[in-house]
Protein backbone atom coordinates (compact mmCIF):
# COMPACT_ATOMS: atom_id res chain seq x y z
CA MET A 1 38.56 -142.87 -53.50
CA LYS A 2 40.50 -144.66 -50.78
CA LYS A 3 40.43 -148.44 -50.50
CA ILE A 4 41.16 -150.13 -47.17
CA LEU A 5 41.64 -153.88 -46.94
CA LEU A 6 40.28 -155.49 -43.76
CA GLU A 7 40.38 -159.17 -42.89
CA PHE A 8 37.92 -160.94 -40.61
CA ALA A 9 38.67 -164.64 -39.97
CA GLY A 10 40.63 -164.84 -43.19
CA MET A 11 37.83 -163.24 -45.20
CA PRO A 12 38.92 -160.12 -47.14
CA PHE A 13 36.73 -157.02 -47.07
CA ILE A 14 37.59 -153.99 -49.19
CA ILE A 15 36.16 -150.76 -47.80
CA ASN A 16 35.76 -147.90 -50.30
CA THR A 17 35.45 -144.36 -49.01
CA TYR A 18 35.96 -140.82 -50.29
CA ASP A 19 36.67 -139.57 -46.78
CA ASP A 20 40.35 -139.48 -45.75
CA GLU A 21 39.44 -139.24 -42.07
CA ILE A 22 37.35 -142.40 -42.14
CA ALA A 23 40.04 -144.23 -44.15
CA GLY A 24 42.67 -143.28 -41.58
CA TRP A 25 40.42 -144.21 -38.69
CA LEU A 26 39.69 -147.65 -40.19
CA ALA A 27 43.40 -148.29 -40.66
CA GLU A 28 44.06 -147.28 -37.05
CA HIS A 29 41.06 -149.05 -35.48
CA PHE A 30 41.72 -152.35 -37.28
CA SER A 31 45.48 -152.32 -36.71
CA ASP A 32 47.96 -155.23 -36.67
CA LYS A 33 47.14 -157.31 -39.74
CA GLN A 34 43.61 -155.91 -39.92
CA ALA A 35 44.21 -152.96 -42.22
CA GLU A 36 46.51 -152.83 -45.21
CA ASN A 37 47.66 -149.93 -47.31
CA VAL A 38 45.86 -148.65 -50.38
CA SER A 39 48.21 -150.29 -52.87
CA VAL A 40 47.49 -153.74 -51.41
CA ALA A 41 43.75 -153.07 -51.35
CA GLU A 42 43.81 -152.00 -55.00
CA LYS A 43 45.05 -155.46 -56.02
CA ALA A 44 42.96 -157.49 -53.56
CA SER A 45 39.68 -159.27 -54.20
CA GLY A 46 36.94 -159.82 -51.66
CA ILE A 47 33.65 -158.43 -50.44
CA GLU A 48 33.48 -154.75 -51.41
CA ILE A 49 31.65 -152.29 -49.17
CA GLN A 50 30.99 -148.73 -50.22
CA ILE A 51 30.69 -146.05 -47.55
CA GLU A 52 28.14 -143.71 -49.04
CA ALA A 53 29.20 -140.09 -49.38
CA ASP A 54 26.18 -138.74 -47.51
CA SER A 55 27.00 -140.68 -44.34
CA VAL A 56 27.23 -138.63 -41.16
CA LEU A 57 30.94 -138.93 -40.37
CA THR A 58 31.07 -137.44 -36.87
CA ALA A 59 30.11 -139.39 -33.77
CA VAL A 60 26.70 -138.59 -32.30
CA ASN A 61 25.36 -139.13 -28.82
CA HIS A 62 23.31 -142.21 -29.53
CA HIS A 63 24.72 -144.39 -26.75
CA GLN A 64 21.31 -145.86 -26.03
CA TYR A 65 21.47 -147.56 -29.45
CA LEU A 66 24.98 -149.05 -29.15
CA VAL A 67 23.77 -152.41 -27.87
CA GLN A 68 20.65 -152.52 -30.01
CA PRO A 69 20.97 -155.17 -32.74
CA PRO A 70 19.96 -154.26 -36.27
CA ASP A 71 16.83 -155.50 -37.97
CA VAL A 72 18.18 -157.67 -40.79
CA SER A 73 16.09 -159.15 -43.58
CA PHE A 74 17.20 -161.45 -46.38
CA ASN A 75 15.61 -161.19 -49.80
CA ASP A 76 16.83 -162.65 -53.11
CA GLY A 77 20.37 -163.10 -51.79
CA VAL A 78 20.60 -159.57 -50.39
CA LEU A 79 20.88 -158.67 -46.71
CA ILE A 80 19.12 -155.44 -45.75
CA PHE A 81 20.19 -153.80 -42.46
CA LYS A 82 17.99 -151.34 -40.56
CA HIS A 83 18.99 -149.63 -37.32
CA PRO A 84 18.25 -146.25 -35.74
CA CYS A 85 21.85 -145.19 -36.42
CA TYR A 86 22.83 -147.01 -39.60
CA LYS A 87 21.47 -148.78 -42.63
CA GLY A 88 23.08 -150.90 -45.27
CA THR A 89 22.92 -153.74 -47.73
CA LEU A 90 25.09 -156.72 -48.64
CA SER A 91 24.68 -159.00 -51.64
CA LEU A 92 26.01 -162.42 -50.67
CA ALA A 93 25.98 -163.56 -54.30
CA GLY A 94 27.55 -160.41 -55.74
CA GLY A 95 29.90 -159.73 -52.84
CA LYS A 96 29.06 -156.02 -52.69
CA GLY A 97 27.49 -153.84 -50.00
CA LYS A 98 26.70 -150.25 -49.04
CA VAL A 99 26.43 -148.54 -45.68
CA TRP A 100 25.18 -145.22 -44.28
CA PHE A 101 25.91 -144.49 -40.61
CA ALA A 102 25.69 -141.83 -37.91
CA GLY A 103 28.92 -142.26 -35.97
CA ARG A 104 31.92 -144.52 -36.41
CA GLU A 105 30.81 -146.92 -33.70
CA PHE A 106 27.85 -147.78 -35.90
CA LEU A 107 30.13 -148.47 -38.86
CA VAL A 108 31.86 -151.02 -36.62
CA SER A 109 28.45 -152.47 -35.71
CA TYR A 110 27.61 -152.85 -39.41
CA LEU A 111 30.98 -154.51 -40.14
CA ARG A 112 30.55 -156.86 -37.17
CA THR A 113 27.12 -157.89 -38.42
CA VAL A 114 28.37 -158.38 -41.97
CA ALA A 115 31.29 -160.47 -40.67
CA THR A 116 29.06 -162.72 -38.53
CA VAL A 117 26.81 -163.47 -41.50
CA SER A 118 29.71 -163.98 -43.92
CA ILE A 119 31.57 -166.32 -41.58
CA VAL A 120 28.56 -168.64 -41.32
CA ASN A 121 28.33 -168.62 -45.10
CA CYS A 122 32.03 -169.63 -45.27
CA GLY A 123 31.94 -172.49 -42.77
CA GLY A 124 32.37 -170.74 -39.45
CA LEU A 125 30.77 -169.21 -36.39
CA ALA A 126 30.93 -166.05 -34.31
CA LEU A 127 30.39 -166.97 -30.65
CA HIS A 128 29.37 -164.65 -27.83
CA SER A 129 32.43 -165.48 -25.74
CA SER A 130 35.91 -164.53 -24.65
CA CYS A 131 38.91 -166.52 -25.80
CA ILE A 132 42.35 -166.68 -24.16
CA LEU A 133 45.61 -168.18 -25.41
CA ARG A 134 47.53 -169.92 -22.62
CA ASN A 135 50.55 -172.23 -22.98
CA GLY A 136 49.91 -172.67 -26.69
CA ARG A 137 46.24 -173.59 -26.31
CA THR A 138 43.10 -171.51 -26.66
CA TYR A 139 40.20 -171.59 -24.22
CA ILE A 140 36.72 -170.33 -25.07
CA PHE A 141 34.59 -169.02 -22.19
CA THR A 142 30.95 -168.47 -22.99
CA GLY A 143 27.67 -167.71 -21.24
CA TYR A 144 24.91 -165.18 -21.14
CA SER A 145 25.62 -161.52 -20.35
CA GLY A 146 26.87 -161.18 -16.77
CA ALA A 147 28.16 -164.76 -16.54
CA GLY A 148 31.75 -163.55 -16.13
CA LYS A 149 33.49 -163.58 -19.52
CA SER A 150 35.30 -160.33 -18.75
CA THR A 151 35.95 -161.48 -15.18
CA ILE A 152 37.78 -164.55 -16.51
CA ILE A 153 40.13 -162.28 -18.46
CA LYS A 154 40.72 -160.04 -15.45
CA LEU A 155 41.59 -163.05 -13.29
CA THR A 156 44.16 -164.30 -15.82
CA GLU A 157 47.72 -163.07 -15.38
CA ASN A 158 49.06 -161.36 -18.54
CA PRO A 159 46.32 -162.79 -20.77
CA LEU A 160 46.80 -163.19 -24.52
CA ILE A 161 43.35 -162.40 -25.85
CA TYR A 162 41.82 -163.59 -29.11
CA SER A 163 38.49 -162.03 -28.18
CA ASP A 164 36.60 -160.52 -25.28
CA GLU A 165 33.13 -160.54 -26.81
CA VAL A 166 33.00 -162.16 -30.26
CA THR A 167 35.13 -165.25 -30.93
CA LEU A 168 35.62 -165.99 -34.63
CA LEU A 169 35.98 -169.65 -35.63
CA LYS A 170 36.24 -170.99 -39.16
CA LYS A 171 36.82 -174.40 -40.71
CA ASN A 172 39.82 -174.99 -42.94
CA GLN A 173 39.71 -177.12 -46.09
CA ASN A 174 39.98 -180.26 -43.92
CA GLY A 175 36.99 -179.27 -41.80
CA ILE A 176 39.10 -178.40 -38.74
CA PHE A 177 38.10 -175.28 -36.81
CA SER A 178 40.62 -172.54 -36.15
CA ILE A 179 40.24 -169.50 -33.92
CA HIS A 180 40.96 -166.13 -35.51
CA HIS A 181 41.85 -162.82 -33.89
CA SER A 182 38.73 -160.71 -33.41
CA PRO A 183 38.89 -156.91 -33.77
CA PHE A 184 35.37 -156.58 -32.38
CA ARG A 185 35.97 -155.79 -28.71
CA SER A 186 33.93 -154.40 -25.84
CA GLU A 187 36.64 -153.78 -23.20
CA PHE A 188 39.99 -155.49 -23.79
CA TYR A 189 42.18 -154.69 -26.80
CA SER A 190 45.25 -156.71 -27.70
CA LYS A 191 47.80 -157.22 -30.43
CA TYR A 192 47.07 -159.45 -33.38
CA LEU A 193 47.40 -163.19 -32.78
CA PRO A 194 47.71 -165.61 -35.73
CA PRO A 195 45.02 -168.27 -36.25
CA THR A 196 45.31 -171.47 -34.23
CA SER A 197 43.54 -174.82 -34.23
CA TYR A 198 44.78 -175.78 -30.73
CA ILE A 199 41.44 -175.39 -28.94
CA ALA A 200 41.60 -176.92 -25.46
CA GLY A 201 37.90 -176.60 -24.71
CA ILE A 202 34.70 -174.60 -24.58
CA PHE A 203 33.63 -173.62 -21.07
CA PHE A 204 30.15 -172.48 -20.05
CA ILE A 205 30.97 -170.35 -17.03
CA ARG A 206 29.07 -170.12 -13.77
CA GLN A 207 30.18 -168.09 -10.75
CA ASP A 208 30.12 -170.29 -7.65
CA SER A 209 31.61 -170.73 -4.17
CA ARG A 210 33.46 -173.84 -5.41
CA VAL A 211 35.72 -174.48 -8.39
CA PHE A 212 34.99 -177.58 -10.48
CA LEU A 213 34.30 -178.80 -14.01
CA GLU A 214 31.40 -180.84 -15.38
CA ASP A 215 31.52 -182.63 -18.72
CA ILE A 216 28.61 -181.76 -21.00
CA PRO A 217 27.37 -184.42 -23.47
CA VAL A 218 27.52 -183.23 -27.07
CA LYS A 219 23.74 -183.36 -27.61
CA LYS A 220 23.08 -181.20 -24.55
CA ALA A 221 25.94 -178.85 -25.38
CA LEU A 222 24.56 -178.36 -28.88
CA PHE A 223 21.37 -176.77 -27.63
CA GLU A 224 23.28 -174.70 -25.08
CA ILE A 225 25.72 -173.29 -27.60
CA LEU A 226 23.17 -172.35 -30.27
CA PRO A 227 21.94 -169.25 -28.34
CA MET A 228 25.59 -168.15 -28.00
CA VAL A 229 26.00 -167.78 -31.78
CA PHE A 230 25.99 -164.18 -32.99
CA PHE A 231 23.56 -164.04 -35.88
CA PRO A 232 21.15 -161.22 -36.70
CA ILE A 233 18.68 -162.99 -39.00
CA ASN A 234 15.71 -164.88 -37.62
CA LYS A 235 13.55 -167.48 -39.30
CA THR A 236 15.86 -168.10 -42.26
CA GLN A 237 16.02 -171.84 -42.87
CA GLN A 238 19.10 -171.62 -45.08
CA PHE A 239 21.23 -170.09 -42.33
CA GLU A 240 19.65 -171.99 -39.43
CA ASN A 241 20.71 -175.29 -40.97
CA LYS A 242 24.26 -174.07 -41.53
CA ILE A 243 24.60 -172.76 -37.97
CA PHE A 244 23.25 -176.00 -36.51
CA ASN A 245 25.66 -178.11 -38.60
CA HIS A 246 28.66 -175.88 -37.83
CA CYS A 247 27.91 -176.08 -34.09
CA ALA A 248 27.59 -179.87 -34.28
CA ASP A 249 30.92 -180.13 -36.11
CA LEU A 250 32.64 -177.85 -33.57
CA LEU A 251 31.38 -179.82 -30.57
CA ASN A 252 32.53 -183.08 -32.13
CA GLN A 253 36.06 -181.64 -32.31
CA VAL A 254 36.33 -179.71 -29.04
CA PRO A 255 35.46 -180.89 -25.48
CA VAL A 256 32.77 -178.90 -23.67
CA PHE A 257 32.40 -178.26 -19.92
CA ASN A 258 30.49 -176.34 -17.31
CA LEU A 259 33.08 -174.34 -15.37
CA HIS A 260 32.11 -173.33 -11.84
CA PHE A 261 34.59 -170.73 -10.62
CA ARG A 262 35.40 -168.30 -7.85
CA LYS A 263 36.82 -164.87 -8.46
CA ASP A 264 40.34 -165.87 -7.46
CA GLY A 265 41.96 -167.37 -10.56
CA THR A 266 42.17 -170.93 -9.19
CA PHE A 267 40.03 -172.16 -12.07
CA TRP A 268 43.13 -172.44 -14.29
CA ASP A 269 44.62 -175.18 -12.09
CA CYS A 270 41.27 -176.95 -12.15
CA ILE A 271 41.01 -176.76 -15.95
CA GLU A 272 44.55 -177.96 -16.66
CA LYS A 273 44.46 -180.80 -14.13
CA ASN A 274 41.14 -182.00 -15.52
CA LEU A 275 42.36 -181.97 -19.13
CA ARG A 276 45.44 -183.97 -18.16
CA LYS A 277 43.35 -186.45 -16.19
CA GLU A 278 40.91 -186.95 -19.05
CA GLY A 279 43.74 -187.39 -21.59
CA LYS A 280 42.72 -184.21 -23.45
CA TRP A 281 46.07 -182.48 -22.94
CA ASN A 282 48.72 -182.67 -25.66
CA GLU A 283 52.09 -182.14 -24.00
CA THR A 284 53.83 -181.65 -27.37
CA ILE A 285 52.24 -178.24 -28.03
């Protein structure tokens, strides 16, 4: 059996598989600090996920299901995943899971779902957003599908990208949020970037004929950011309370704005001038 060590937002996941092809693909897909060799995985501890031997290991033409979220239930500490192209379990208490899948893209979907649940359980959030590193600071751009998250990246010269779809944030032992490199991408792939707590702001993006920023009060921002949290389980009080509290803590640490922008890249001048004006710009970074 091959063991592959993956890390999502500092959380170790050990993937067990009997298939050399899948082991190699995992190591290649989650490259740059995301996959470690077998000897390291043998000594590591973390959430263990078994790829079942009867999984279908070749990709199938199920593209219509790629964007379909799984049906996830939670019973006696165990998550149960159901999807047309994969199924799986994860015991949060025992730290063990299993997965069956029809195509590698659905293995990634399972891992993304497992990571988004685990990060909430460990004091973090997975936000539907893109995140760019610029001049030592990170900027989170969020909004509903079609708002322009990918457009923001395209309009940025030589962007350093933490995420283009799922931004991973997690509190440290002092309660401060850091942004972690996300391997879960939809369009833009980039080299590994180390975690950083220099978060300049969260920007709800709106395409417009003018370029300007609007401050958002924390209470209003809280209810706007909640729908942006990736989380597959509905009507689970235990997780709802955690997500609400994590969002409140994040918004008390990081300024939030509405960003109205044109498709010409001038929004960066607007953002940086505004942060300097409002005294939210640390020149020592």
